[in-house]
Amino acid sequence: MEESQARTGIPLLGEKVPEMRVQTTHGPMTIPDDFSGKWFVLFSHPADFTPVCTTEFMAFEKMREDFEKLNCKLMGLSIDQIFSHMKWTEWIKDNMDVEIKFPIIADNGNVASKLGMIHPGKGASTVRAVFVVDPNGAIRLMLYYPQEIGRNMDEILRAVKALQISDENKVAMPANWPNNDLLGDEVIIPPPTDEAAIKERLEKYECYDWWLCHKKL
């Protein structure tokens, strides 16, 4: 999709991230091309030098290596100038002893408008949006939080891992996987598409019924 043709507003799951050239704290980058072959998490925050955002960036950085073990990169964004980002990450390093090592986009509003990140009724501030993007540049998961609520990074990491396992094994994950009350860390077999497959499923997997079968990975 050409940048000039990309529609604005909240994208749809499965859509490709529009190609965008952005300025970051690590220099100019192109989304999604610079992450080709990798998963990445693009997340926006309302503004630099704000309390909740500071705790979020520290939390993301502390889990950065956990994401990278899943072949997944992190990238932040807000509608702040690049020097503001750099001064803020410098402050975090000097005062909190946490060095932010992932890039942060200095957005002029172009990225935020294309991805529906602008907070309604709050000027140019961005919501706390999260986009999980797969190695093909497709948006696989979206989360939107209000300014008042900080994100749960464990859930974002869990979602990336679950998506990867689902893709690789053609399975689904139960609620709270891998700590589901009923199935523990087991995964769910997708329902059959014809009657002939029902008997086979009942013989091959553990099932509560033919439409609810599960297995260990």
N, C-alpha and C. Protein backbone atom coordinates (compact mmCIF):
# COMPACT_ATOMS: atom_id res chain seq x y z
N MET A 1 0.85 -1.20 0.00
CA MET A 1 0.00 0.00 0.00
C MET A 1 0.88 1.24 0.00
N GLU A 2 0.69 2.14 -0.98
CA GLU A 2 1.47 3.36 -1.04
C GLU A 2 1.06 4.27 0.10
N GLU A 3 2.05 5.03 0.62
CA GLU A 3 1.77 5.92 1.75
C GLU A 3 0.67 6.90 1.41
N SER A 4 0.65 7.42 0.17
CA SER A 4 -0.35 8.41 -0.21
C SER A 4 -1.75 7.82 -0.29
N GLN A 5 -1.83 6.47 -0.42
CA GLN A 5 -3.12 5.83 -0.56
C GLN A 5 -3.63 5.22 0.74
N ALA A 6 -2.77 5.21 1.78
CA ALA A 6 -3.15 4.58 3.03
C ALA A 6 -4.29 5.34 3.68
N ARG A 7 -5.29 4.61 4.15
CA ARG A 7 -6.40 5.28 4.79
C ARG A 7 -6.04 5.63 6.22
N THR A 8 -6.73 6.59 6.80
CA THR A 8 -6.48 6.98 8.16
C THR A 8 -7.48 6.32 9.10
N GLY A 9 -7.23 6.43 10.39
CA GLY A 9 -8.13 5.83 11.37
C GLY A 9 -7.63 4.49 11.85
N ILE A 10 -8.38 3.89 12.77
CA ILE A 10 -7.98 2.61 13.33
C ILE A 10 -7.94 1.54 12.24
N PRO A 11 -6.81 0.85 12.07
CA PRO A 11 -6.72 -0.17 11.03
C PRO A 11 -7.48 -1.43 11.42
N LEU A 12 -7.56 -2.36 10.52
CA LEU A 12 -8.23 -3.64 10.77
C LEU A 12 -7.18 -4.72 11.02
N LEU A 13 -7.54 -5.69 11.85
CA LEU A 13 -6.65 -6.81 12.05
C LEU A 13 -6.39 -7.52 10.72
N GLY A 14 -5.15 -7.84 10.47
CA GLY A 14 -4.78 -8.49 9.23
C GLY A 14 -4.32 -7.54 8.15
N GLU A 15 -4.62 -6.25 8.30
CA GLU A 15 -4.15 -5.27 7.33
C GLU A 15 -2.64 -5.09 7.46
N LYS A 16 -2.01 -4.72 6.38
CA LYS A 16 -0.59 -4.40 6.41
C LYS A 16 -0.39 -3.01 7.01
N VAL A 17 0.67 -2.87 7.78
CA VAL A 17 1.04 -1.55 8.28
C VAL A 17 1.41 -0.69 7.08
N PRO A 18 0.86 0.52 6.97
CA PRO A 18 1.24 1.36 5.85
C PRO A 18 2.73 1.69 5.87
N GLU A 19 3.36 1.69 4.72
CA GLU A 19 4.79 2.00 4.66
C GLU A 19 5.01 3.47 5.01
N MET A 20 5.89 3.70 5.98
CA MET A 20 6.13 5.06 6.46
C MET A 20 7.61 5.26 6.76
N ARG A 21 8.13 6.39 6.35
CA ARG A 21 9.49 6.80 6.70
C ARG A 21 9.40 7.67 7.94
N VAL A 22 10.11 7.28 9.01
CA VAL A 22 9.96 7.97 10.28
C VAL A 22 11.33 8.37 10.83
N GLN A 23 11.32 9.40 11.66
CA GLN A 23 12.53 9.83 12.36
C GLN A 23 12.46 9.26 13.78
N THR A 24 13.52 8.59 14.20
CA THR A 24 13.55 7.98 15.51
C THR A 24 14.82 8.36 16.26
N THR A 25 14.86 7.99 17.52
CA THR A 25 16.05 8.23 18.33
C THR A 25 17.23 7.40 17.85
N HIS A 26 17.00 6.43 16.97
CA HIS A 26 18.07 5.64 16.36
C HIS A 26 18.31 6.04 14.91
N GLY A 27 17.78 7.20 14.52
CA GLY A 27 17.94 7.67 13.15
C GLY A 27 16.73 7.36 12.30
N PRO A 28 16.76 7.75 11.01
CA PRO A 28 15.63 7.49 10.12
C PRO A 28 15.39 5.99 9.95
N MET A 29 14.12 5.59 9.93
CA MET A 29 13.76 4.19 9.73
C MET A 29 12.54 4.12 8.83
N THR A 30 12.35 2.98 8.20
CA THR A 30 11.17 2.73 7.37
C THR A 30 10.37 1.59 7.97
N ILE A 31 9.10 1.87 8.23
CA ILE A 31 8.17 0.85 8.74
C ILE A 31 7.32 0.35 7.57
N PRO A 32 7.13 -0.94 7.39
CA PRO A 32 7.65 -2.04 8.21
C PRO A 32 8.94 -2.65 7.68
N ASP A 33 9.52 -2.07 6.60
CA ASP A 33 10.63 -2.72 5.90
C ASP A 33 11.83 -2.99 6.80
N ASP A 34 12.12 -2.09 7.72
CA ASP A 34 13.30 -2.28 8.57
C ASP A 34 13.12 -3.42 9.57
N PHE A 35 11.89 -3.95 9.67
CA PHE A 35 11.63 -5.09 10.54
C PHE A 35 11.29 -6.34 9.74
N SER A 36 11.62 -6.34 8.47
CA SER A 36 11.29 -7.47 7.61
C SER A 36 11.85 -8.77 8.20
N GLY A 37 10.99 -9.78 8.28
CA GLY A 37 11.40 -11.06 8.83
C GLY A 37 11.33 -11.13 10.34
N LYS A 38 10.92 -10.05 10.99
CA LYS A 38 10.81 -10.02 12.44
C LYS A 38 9.41 -9.58 12.85
N TRP A 39 9.02 -9.97 14.04
CA TRP A 39 7.84 -9.39 14.67
C TRP A 39 8.26 -8.06 15.28
N PHE A 40 7.32 -7.14 15.41
CA PHE A 40 7.63 -5.94 16.19
C PHE A 40 6.37 -5.41 16.86
N VAL A 41 6.61 -4.74 17.98
CA VAL A 41 5.54 -4.11 18.75
C VAL A 41 5.73 -2.60 18.64
N LEU A 42 4.77 -1.94 18.00
CA LEU A 42 4.76 -0.48 17.90
C LEU A 42 3.77 0.03 18.93
N PHE A 43 4.23 0.88 19.83
CA PHE A 43 3.35 1.37 20.88
C PHE A 43 3.50 2.88 21.04
N SER A 44 2.38 3.55 21.25
CA SER A 44 2.39 5.00 21.41
C SER A 44 2.16 5.38 22.86
N HIS A 45 2.63 6.56 23.23
CA HIS A 45 2.38 7.09 24.57
C HIS A 45 1.96 8.54 24.43
N PRO A 46 1.18 9.06 25.40
CA PRO A 46 0.66 10.43 25.28
C PRO A 46 1.73 11.51 25.17
N ALA A 47 2.78 11.44 26.00
CA ALA A 47 3.78 12.50 25.98
C ALA A 47 5.01 12.10 26.78
N ASP A 48 6.15 12.67 26.40
CA ASP A 48 7.37 12.50 27.18
C ASP A 48 7.23 13.22 28.52
N PHE A 49 8.09 12.85 29.45
CA PHE A 49 8.15 13.50 30.77
C PHE A 49 6.80 13.47 31.49
N THR A 50 6.10 12.35 31.38
CA THR A 50 4.86 12.17 32.13
C THR A 50 5.00 10.89 32.97
N PRO A 51 4.36 10.85 34.14
CA PRO A 51 4.62 9.77 35.10
C PRO A 51 4.30 8.36 34.59
N VAL A 52 3.07 8.16 34.07
CA VAL A 52 2.69 6.81 33.65
C VAL A 52 3.58 6.35 32.49
N CYS A 53 3.82 7.22 31.54
CA CYS A 53 4.64 6.87 30.38
C CYS A 53 6.06 6.49 30.81
N THR A 54 6.59 7.19 31.80
CA THR A 54 7.93 6.88 32.28
C THR A 54 7.98 5.47 32.86
N THR A 55 6.97 5.10 33.65
CA THR A 55 6.96 3.74 34.20
C THR A 55 6.79 2.71 33.10
N GLU A 56 6.03 3.04 32.06
CA GLU A 56 5.84 2.10 30.95
C GLU A 56 7.13 1.87 30.19
N PHE A 57 7.85 2.94 29.89
CA PHE A 57 9.09 2.79 29.12
C PHE A 57 10.13 2.00 29.90
N MET A 58 10.18 2.22 31.20
CA MET A 58 11.09 1.43 32.02
C MET A 58 10.69 -0.05 32.00
N ALA A 59 9.39 -0.31 32.07
CA ALA A 59 8.91 -1.69 32.06
C ALA A 59 9.18 -2.37 30.71
N PHE A 60 8.94 -1.65 29.61
CA PHE A 60 9.24 -2.21 28.29
C PHE A 60 10.72 -2.53 28.16
N GLU A 61 11.57 -1.61 28.59
CA GLU A 61 13.01 -1.83 28.46
C GLU A 61 13.46 -3.03 29.28
N LYS A 62 12.93 -3.16 30.49
CA LYS A 62 13.32 -4.29 31.34
C LYS A 62 12.90 -5.62 30.74
N MET A 63 11.92 -5.61 29.82
CA MET A 63 11.47 -6.84 29.18
C MET A 63 11.92 -6.93 27.72
N ARG A 64 12.73 -5.97 27.29
CA ARG A 64 13.13 -5.92 25.88
C ARG A 64 13.80 -7.22 25.43
N GLU A 65 14.69 -7.76 26.25
CA GLU A 65 15.37 -8.99 25.86
C GLU A 65 14.41 -10.17 25.77
N ASP A 66 13.36 -10.16 26.59
CA ASP A 66 12.35 -11.22 26.51
C ASP A 66 11.63 -11.17 25.17
N PHE A 67 11.33 -9.95 24.70
CA PHE A 67 10.73 -9.81 23.38
C PHE A 67 11.70 -10.24 22.28
N GLU A 68 12.96 -9.84 22.43
CA GLU A 68 13.94 -10.15 21.39
C GLU A 68 14.19 -11.65 21.28
N LYS A 69 14.03 -12.38 22.38
CA LYS A 69 14.16 -13.84 22.32
C LYS A 69 13.07 -14.45 21.44
N LEU A 70 11.98 -13.71 21.26
CA LEU A 70 10.89 -14.15 20.38
C LEU A 70 11.02 -13.56 18.98
N ASN A 71 12.22 -13.04 18.66
CA ASN A 71 12.44 -12.40 17.36
C ASN A 71 11.49 -11.21 17.17
N CYS A 72 11.31 -10.46 18.26
CA CYS A 72 10.35 -9.35 18.26
C CYS A 72 11.04 -8.09 18.77
N LYS A 73 10.94 -7.02 18.01
CA LYS A 73 11.53 -5.74 18.36
C LYS A 73 10.47 -4.80 18.94
N LEU A 74 10.94 -3.81 19.68
CA LEU A 74 10.07 -2.79 20.26
C LEU A 74 10.33 -1.45 19.60
N MET A 75 9.26 -0.65 19.45
CA MET A 75 9.38 0.71 18.92
C MET A 75 8.32 1.58 19.55
N GLY A 76 8.73 2.67 20.21
CA GLY A 76 7.80 3.61 20.82
C GLY A 76 7.47 4.77 19.90
N LEU A 77 6.49 5.57 20.31
CA LEU A 77 6.06 6.71 19.49
C LEU A 77 5.28 7.70 20.34
N SER A 78 5.49 8.99 20.09
CA SER A 78 4.58 10.03 20.55
C SER A 78 4.76 11.25 19.67
N ILE A 79 3.82 12.19 19.79
CA ILE A 79 3.93 13.42 19.00
C ILE A 79 4.77 14.42 19.81
N ASP A 80 6.04 14.10 19.94
CA ASP A 80 7.04 14.95 20.57
C ASP A 80 8.22 15.05 19.62
N GLN A 81 9.00 16.11 19.76
CA GLN A 81 10.17 16.27 18.91
C GLN A 81 11.29 15.33 19.35
N ILE A 82 12.22 15.09 18.45
CA ILE A 82 13.27 14.10 18.71
C ILE A 82 14.12 14.50 19.90
N PHE A 83 14.39 15.81 20.08
CA PHE A 83 15.23 16.21 21.21
C PHE A 83 14.51 15.96 22.53
N SER A 84 13.18 16.03 22.53
CA SER A 84 12.43 15.74 23.74
C SER A 84 12.56 14.26 24.11
N HIS A 85 12.44 13.38 23.10
CA HIS A 85 12.63 11.95 23.35
C HIS A 85 14.01 11.68 23.94
N MET A 86 15.03 12.29 23.33
CA MET A 86 16.40 12.01 23.76
C MET A 86 16.66 12.56 25.16
N LYS A 87 16.12 13.74 25.47
CA LYS A 87 16.30 14.30 26.80
C LYS A 87 15.57 13.45 27.84
N TRP A 88 14.39 12.96 27.47
CA TRP A 88 13.60 12.13 28.38
C TRP A 88 14.30 10.81 28.67
N THR A 89 14.80 10.13 27.62
CA THR A 89 15.49 8.86 27.85
C THR A 89 16.80 9.09 28.62
N GLU A 90 17.41 10.24 28.41
CA GLU A 90 18.60 10.60 29.20
C GLU A 90 18.23 10.75 30.68
N TRP A 91 17.08 11.40 30.93
CA TRP A 91 16.62 11.57 32.31
C TRP A 91 16.33 10.21 32.96
N ILE A 92 15.69 9.31 32.21
CA ILE A 92 15.39 7.98 32.74
C ILE A 92 16.68 7.23 33.10
N LYS A 93 17.68 7.34 32.23
CA LYS A 93 18.95 6.67 32.50
C LYS A 93 19.63 7.26 33.72
N ASP A 94 19.66 8.60 33.80
CA ASP A 94 20.38 9.27 34.89
C ASP A 94 19.69 9.12 36.24
N ASN A 95 18.35 9.11 36.22
CA ASN A 95 17.61 9.13 37.48
C ASN A 95 17.03 7.77 37.88
N MET A 96 16.78 6.90 36.91
CA MET A 96 16.18 5.60 37.19
C MET A 96 17.12 4.43 36.88
N ASP A 97 18.29 4.76 36.35
CA ASP A 97 19.30 3.75 36.02
C ASP A 97 18.77 2.70 35.05
N VAL A 98 17.95 3.14 34.09
CA VAL A 98 17.43 2.27 33.04
C VAL A 98 17.72 2.93 31.70
N GLU A 99 18.49 2.26 30.85
CA GLU A 99 18.83 2.81 29.53
C GLU A 99 17.85 2.28 28.49
N ILE A 100 17.10 3.18 27.87
CA ILE A 100 16.13 2.78 26.85
C ILE A 100 16.88 2.49 25.55
N LYS A 101 16.85 1.23 25.13
CA LYS A 101 17.66 0.81 23.98
C LYS A 101 16.84 0.54 22.72
N PHE A 102 15.52 0.75 22.79
CA PHE A 102 14.71 0.59 21.58
C PHE A 102 14.43 1.98 20.99
N PRO A 103 14.16 2.08 19.69
CA PRO A 103 13.92 3.38 19.07
C PRO A 103 12.56 3.97 19.43
N ILE A 104 12.50 5.30 19.42
CA ILE A 104 11.24 6.02 19.67
C ILE A 104 11.00 6.96 18.50
N ILE A 105 9.83 6.87 17.90
CA ILE A 105 9.49 7.72 16.76
C ILE A 105 9.11 9.11 17.25
N ALA A 106 9.68 10.13 16.61
CA ALA A 106 9.25 11.51 16.81
C ALA A 106 8.23 11.80 15.72
N ASP A 107 6.96 11.69 16.07
CA ASP A 107 5.89 11.77 15.07
C ASP A 107 5.39 13.20 14.92
N ASN A 108 5.12 13.59 13.70
CA ASN A 108 4.51 14.89 13.44
C ASN A 108 3.00 14.78 13.34
N GLY A 109 2.47 13.63 13.68
CA GLY A 109 1.03 13.37 13.58
C GLY A 109 0.68 12.47 12.42
N ASN A 110 1.64 12.25 11.51
CA ASN A 110 1.37 11.44 10.33
C ASN A 110 1.11 9.98 10.68
N VAL A 111 2.00 9.39 11.50
CA VAL A 111 1.85 7.99 11.88
C VAL A 111 0.61 7.82 12.75
N ALA A 112 0.45 8.71 13.72
CA ALA A 112 -0.67 8.61 14.65
C ALA A 112 -2.02 8.69 13.94
N SER A 113 -2.11 9.54 12.94
CA SER A 113 -3.38 9.67 12.23
C SER A 113 -3.66 8.45 11.36
N LYS A 114 -2.62 7.86 10.77
CA LYS A 114 -2.81 6.68 9.93
C LYS A 114 -3.25 5.47 10.74
N LEU A 115 -2.85 5.43 12.01
CA LEU A 115 -3.12 4.25 12.83
C LEU A 115 -4.15 4.51 13.93
N GLY A 116 -4.84 5.65 13.87
CA GLY A 116 -5.90 5.91 14.81
C GLY A 116 -5.44 6.09 16.24
N MET A 117 -4.29 6.73 16.42
CA MET A 117 -3.71 6.88 17.74
C MET A 117 -4.08 8.18 18.45
N ILE A 118 -4.70 9.12 17.75
CA ILE A 118 -5.01 10.41 18.36
C ILE A 118 -6.14 10.25 19.37
N HIS A 119 -5.92 10.77 20.57
CA HIS A 119 -6.90 10.63 21.64
C HIS A 119 -8.04 11.62 21.42
N PRO A 120 -9.29 11.16 21.27
CA PRO A 120 -10.42 12.08 21.03
C PRO A 120 -10.57 13.10 22.16
N GLY A 121 -10.67 14.33 21.79
CA GLY A 121 -10.92 15.38 22.76
C GLY A 121 -9.72 15.82 23.57
N LYS A 122 -8.52 15.32 23.23
CA LYS A 122 -7.33 15.69 23.99
C LYS A 122 -6.22 16.20 23.09
N GLY A 123 -6.60 17.04 22.14
CA GLY A 123 -5.62 17.69 21.28
C GLY A 123 -4.84 16.71 20.44
N ALA A 124 -3.51 16.89 20.43
CA ALA A 124 -2.64 16.05 19.61
C ALA A 124 -2.06 14.88 20.38
N SER A 125 -2.51 14.67 21.61
CA SER A 125 -1.97 13.56 22.41
C SER A 125 -2.38 12.22 21.81
N THR A 126 -1.48 11.26 21.91
CA THR A 126 -1.78 9.91 21.43
C THR A 126 -2.29 9.05 22.57
N VAL A 127 -3.17 8.12 22.24
CA VAL A 127 -3.61 7.13 23.22
C VAL A 127 -2.46 6.16 23.46
N ARG A 128 -2.67 5.27 24.43
CA ARG A 128 -1.67 4.21 24.65
C ARG A 128 -2.05 3.03 23.75
N ALA A 129 -1.67 3.14 22.49
CA ALA A 129 -1.99 2.09 21.52
C ALA A 129 -0.85 1.09 21.44
N VAL A 130 -1.20 -0.15 21.14
CA VAL A 130 -0.22 -1.22 20.94
C VAL A 130 -0.59 -1.96 19.67
N PHE A 131 0.38 -2.11 18.77
CA PHE A 131 0.20 -2.89 17.55
C PHE A 131 1.25 -3.98 17.52
N VAL A 132 0.81 -5.23 17.45
CA VAL A 132 1.73 -6.35 17.26
C VAL A 132 1.71 -6.69 15.78
N VAL A 133 2.87 -6.62 15.16
CA VAL A 133 2.99 -6.79 13.71
C VAL A 133 3.86 -8.01 13.41
N ASP A 134 3.42 -8.85 12.48
CA ASP A 134 4.16 -10.08 12.19
C ASP A 134 5.25 -9.85 11.15
N PRO A 135 6.06 -10.88 10.86
CA PRO A 135 7.19 -10.70 9.93
C PRO A 135 6.78 -10.31 8.52
N ASN A 136 5.51 -10.47 8.17
CA ASN A 136 5.02 -10.07 6.85
C ASN A 136 4.45 -8.65 6.86
N GLY A 137 4.55 -7.96 7.98
CA GLY A 137 4.06 -6.59 8.07
C GLY A 137 2.58 -6.47 8.33
N ALA A 138 1.92 -7.57 8.71
CA ALA A 138 0.49 -7.56 8.97
C ALA A 138 0.22 -7.29 10.45
N ILE A 139 -0.78 -6.47 10.73
CA ILE A 139 -1.18 -6.19 12.11
C ILE A 139 -1.97 -7.37 12.64
N ARG A 140 -1.47 -7.98 13.71
CA ARG A 140 -2.09 -9.18 14.24
C ARG A 140 -2.87 -8.95 15.53
N LEU A 141 -2.54 -7.88 16.24
CA LEU A 141 -3.21 -7.60 17.50
C LEU A 141 -3.14 -6.11 17.77
N MET A 142 -4.24 -5.55 18.33
CA MET A 142 -4.28 -4.13 18.68
C MET A 142 -4.86 -3.98 20.07
N LEU A 143 -4.26 -3.10 20.85
CA LEU A 143 -4.77 -2.76 22.18
C LEU A 143 -4.77 -1.25 22.30
N TYR A 144 -5.83 -0.71 22.89
CA TYR A 144 -5.92 0.74 23.11
C TYR A 144 -6.26 0.98 24.59
N TYR A 145 -5.44 1.78 25.22
CA TYR A 145 -5.66 2.15 26.62
C TYR A 145 -5.86 3.66 26.73
N PRO A 146 -6.66 4.13 27.69
CA PRO A 146 -6.77 5.57 27.91
C PRO A 146 -5.50 6.09 28.57
N GLN A 147 -5.38 7.42 28.61
CA GLN A 147 -4.17 8.02 29.17
C GLN A 147 -3.96 7.64 30.63
N GLU A 148 -5.04 7.37 31.34
CA GLU A 148 -4.94 7.17 32.78
C GLU A 148 -4.46 5.78 33.19
N ILE A 149 -4.46 4.82 32.26
CA ILE A 149 -4.19 3.42 32.60
C ILE A 149 -2.90 2.94 31.93
N GLY A 150 -1.93 2.55 32.74
CA GLY A 150 -0.70 1.99 32.20
C GLY A 150 -0.90 0.58 31.70
N ARG A 151 -0.07 0.19 30.76
CA ARG A 151 -0.21 -1.13 30.13
C ARG A 151 0.43 -2.25 30.94
N ASN A 152 0.01 -3.48 30.64
CA ASN A 152 0.58 -4.67 31.25
C ASN A 152 1.50 -5.33 30.23
N MET A 153 2.81 -5.19 30.42
CA MET A 153 3.77 -5.70 29.44
C MET A 153 3.82 -7.22 29.42
N ASP A 154 3.52 -7.86 30.56
CA ASP A 154 3.46 -9.32 30.56
C ASP A 154 2.40 -9.82 29.59
N GLU A 155 1.27 -9.13 29.51
CA GLU A 155 0.19 -9.54 28.60
C GLU A 155 0.61 -9.35 27.15
N ILE A 156 1.32 -8.26 26.86
CA ILE A 156 1.77 -8.03 25.49
C ILE A 156 2.78 -9.10 25.07
N LEU A 157 3.69 -9.45 25.96
CA LEU A 157 4.65 -10.52 25.68
C LEU A 157 3.94 -11.85 25.49
N ARG A 158 2.97 -12.13 26.36
CA ARG A 158 2.18 -13.36 26.25
C ARG A 158 1.47 -13.44 24.91
N ALA A 159 0.92 -12.31 24.46
CA ALA A 159 0.19 -12.28 23.20
C ALA A 159 1.11 -12.57 22.02
N VAL A 160 2.31 -11.99 22.03
CA VAL A 160 3.28 -12.25 20.95
C VAL A 160 3.62 -13.74 20.91
N LYS A 161 3.93 -14.30 22.08
CA LYS A 161 4.27 -15.73 22.13
C LYS A 161 3.11 -16.59 21.67
N ALA A 162 1.89 -16.25 22.10
CA ALA A 162 0.71 -17.03 21.71
C ALA A 162 0.48 -16.96 20.20
N LEU A 163 0.63 -15.79 19.62
CA LEU A 163 0.45 -15.65 18.18
C LEU A 163 1.46 -16.50 17.41
N GLN A 164 2.69 -16.50 17.87
CA GLN A 164 3.73 -17.28 17.19
C GLN A 164 3.44 -18.78 17.28
N ILE A 165 3.05 -19.24 18.46
CA ILE A 165 2.74 -20.66 18.63
C ILE A 165 1.51 -21.04 17.82
N SER A 166 0.52 -20.16 17.80
CA SER A 166 -0.70 -20.43 17.02
C SER A 166 -0.37 -20.55 15.54
N ASP A 167 0.45 -19.64 15.03
CA ASP A 167 0.82 -19.68 13.62
C ASP A 167 1.59 -20.96 13.28
N GLU A 168 2.52 -21.31 14.15
CA GLU A 168 3.39 -22.44 13.86
C GLU A 168 2.67 -23.78 13.97
N ASN A 169 1.72 -23.88 14.91
CA ASN A 169 1.08 -25.16 15.19
C ASN A 169 -0.38 -25.25 14.75
N LYS A 170 -0.92 -24.15 14.22
CA LYS A 170 -2.32 -24.11 13.78
C LYS A 170 -3.27 -24.49 14.91
N VAL A 171 -3.06 -23.86 16.06
CA VAL A 171 -3.88 -24.12 17.23
C VAL A 171 -4.38 -22.79 17.79
N ALA A 172 -5.26 -22.88 18.79
CA ALA A 172 -5.77 -21.70 19.48
C ALA A 172 -5.41 -21.80 20.96
N MET A 173 -5.42 -20.67 21.64
CA MET A 173 -5.08 -20.64 23.05
C MET A 173 -6.31 -20.35 23.89
N PRO A 174 -6.47 -21.07 25.02
CA PRO A 174 -7.60 -20.80 25.91
C PRO A 174 -7.37 -19.53 26.73
N ALA A 175 -8.36 -19.13 27.47
CA ALA A 175 -8.25 -17.94 28.32
C ALA A 175 -7.10 -18.11 29.31
N ASN A 176 -6.38 -17.03 29.50
CA ASN A 176 -5.27 -16.98 30.47
C ASN A 176 -4.14 -17.96 30.16
N TRP A 177 -4.11 -18.48 28.93
CA TRP A 177 -3.00 -19.36 28.56
C TRP A 177 -1.68 -18.67 28.86
N PRO A 178 -0.70 -19.38 29.42
CA PRO A 178 -0.62 -20.82 29.65
C PRO A 178 -1.05 -21.27 31.04
N ASN A 179 -1.92 -20.52 31.67
CA ASN A 179 -2.39 -20.87 33.02
C ASN A 179 -3.91 -20.93 33.07
N ASN A 180 -4.49 -21.66 32.12
CA ASN A 180 -5.93 -21.78 32.07
C ASN A 180 -6.44 -22.71 33.17
N ASP A 181 -7.56 -22.36 33.81
CA ASP A 181 -8.10 -23.16 34.90
C ASP A 181 -8.49 -24.57 34.46
N LEU A 182 -8.90 -24.70 33.21
CA LEU A 182 -9.37 -26.00 32.71
C LEU A 182 -8.26 -26.80 32.03
N LEU A 183 -7.47 -26.14 31.20
CA LEU A 183 -6.52 -26.84 30.34
C LEU A 183 -5.06 -26.61 30.70
N GLY A 184 -4.80 -25.76 31.67
CA GLY A 184 -3.41 -25.48 32.02
C GLY A 184 -2.68 -24.82 30.87
N ASP A 185 -1.55 -25.42 30.44
CA ASP A 185 -0.77 -24.84 29.34
C ASP A 185 -1.05 -25.53 28.01
N GLU A 186 -2.10 -26.37 27.98
CA GLU A 186 -2.42 -27.05 26.71
C GLU A 186 -3.11 -26.09 25.75
N VAL A 187 -3.13 -26.48 24.48
CA VAL A 187 -3.71 -25.64 23.43
C VAL A 187 -4.94 -26.31 22.85
N ILE A 188 -5.74 -25.54 22.16
CA ILE A 188 -7.02 -26.01 21.63
C ILE A 188 -6.89 -26.33 20.14
N ILE A 189 -7.45 -27.46 19.76
CA ILE A 189 -7.46 -27.85 18.34
C ILE A 189 -8.63 -27.14 17.66
N PRO A 190 -8.41 -26.48 16.53
CA PRO A 190 -9.52 -25.82 15.84
C PRO A 190 -10.64 -26.79 15.51
N PRO A 191 -11.89 -26.34 15.54
CA PRO A 191 -13.03 -27.23 15.26
C PRO A 191 -12.93 -27.86 13.87
N PRO A 192 -13.50 -29.06 13.70
CA PRO A 192 -13.46 -29.73 12.40
C PRO A 192 -14.35 -29.01 11.39
N THR A 193 -14.03 -29.19 10.13
CA THR A 193 -14.80 -28.54 9.07
C THR A 193 -15.76 -29.50 8.37
N ASP A 194 -15.73 -30.77 8.76
CA ASP A 194 -16.67 -31.73 8.17
C ASP A 194 -16.91 -32.86 9.16
N GLU A 195 -17.97 -33.65 8.94
CA GLU A 195 -18.36 -34.71 9.86
C GLU A 195 -17.34 -35.83 9.93
N ALA A 196 -16.64 -36.08 8.84
CA ALA A 196 -15.66 -37.17 8.81
C ALA A 196 -14.53 -36.94 9.80
N ALA A 197 -14.24 -35.69 10.07
CA ALA A 197 -13.12 -35.38 10.96
C ALA A 197 -13.47 -35.53 12.43
N ILE A 198 -14.77 -35.61 12.74
CA ILE A 198 -15.19 -35.66 14.14
C ILE A 198 -14.66 -36.92 14.83
N LYS A 199 -14.86 -38.09 14.24
CA LYS A 199 -14.41 -39.34 14.85
C LYS A 199 -12.90 -39.35 15.00
N GLU A 200 -12.21 -38.89 13.99
CA GLU A 200 -10.75 -38.85 14.03
C GLU A 200 -10.25 -37.99 15.19
N ARG A 201 -10.89 -36.87 15.38
CA ARG A 201 -10.49 -35.97 16.47
C ARG A 201 -10.69 -36.62 17.82
N LEU A 202 -11.81 -37.30 18.00
CA LEU A 202 -12.11 -37.94 19.28
C LEU A 202 -11.12 -39.06 19.60
N GLU A 203 -10.59 -39.70 18.56
CA GLU A 203 -9.61 -40.76 18.76
C GLU A 203 -8.19 -40.22 18.96
N LYS A 204 -7.93 -39.08 18.38
CA LYS A 204 -6.56 -38.56 18.35
C LYS A 204 -6.25 -37.65 19.53
N TYR A 205 -7.26 -36.91 20.01
CA TYR A 205 -7.01 -35.91 21.06
C TYR A 205 -7.89 -36.16 22.28
N GLU A 206 -7.52 -35.54 23.37
CA GLU A 206 -8.40 -35.50 24.52
C GLU A 206 -9.49 -34.46 24.24
N CYS A 207 -10.74 -34.81 24.50
CA CYS A 207 -11.85 -33.92 24.15
C CYS A 207 -12.91 -33.90 25.24
N TYR A 208 -13.47 -32.75 25.48
CA TYR A 208 -14.67 -32.64 26.30
C TYR A 208 -15.90 -32.90 25.43
N ASP A 209 -15.76 -32.61 24.17
CA ASP A 209 -16.74 -32.92 23.13
C ASP A 209 -15.99 -32.76 21.82
N TRP A 210 -16.60 -33.13 20.70
CA TRP A 210 -15.87 -33.10 19.44
C TRP A 210 -15.45 -31.69 19.03
N TRP A 211 -16.13 -30.69 19.56
CA TRP A 211 -15.79 -29.32 19.19
C TRP A 211 -14.83 -28.67 20.20
N LEU A 212 -14.47 -29.40 21.26
CA LEU A 212 -13.56 -28.86 22.29
C LEU A 212 -12.50 -29.89 22.61
N CYS A 213 -11.51 -29.96 21.73
CA CYS A 213 -10.40 -30.90 21.89
C CYS A 213 -9.12 -30.12 22.18
N HIS A 214 -8.20 -30.76 22.89
CA HIS A 214 -7.00 -30.05 23.31
C HIS A 214 -5.81 -31.00 23.32
N LYS A 215 -4.62 -30.43 23.41
CA LYS A 215 -3.40 -31.25 23.44
C LYS A 215 -2.26 -30.44 24.04
N LYS A 216 -1.21 -31.15 24.43
CA LYS A 216 0.03 -30.49 24.82
C LYS A 216 0.85 -30.20 23.57
N LEU A 217 1.63 -29.16 23.63
CA LEU A 217 2.49 -28.86 22.48
C LEU A 217 3.62 -29.87 22.39
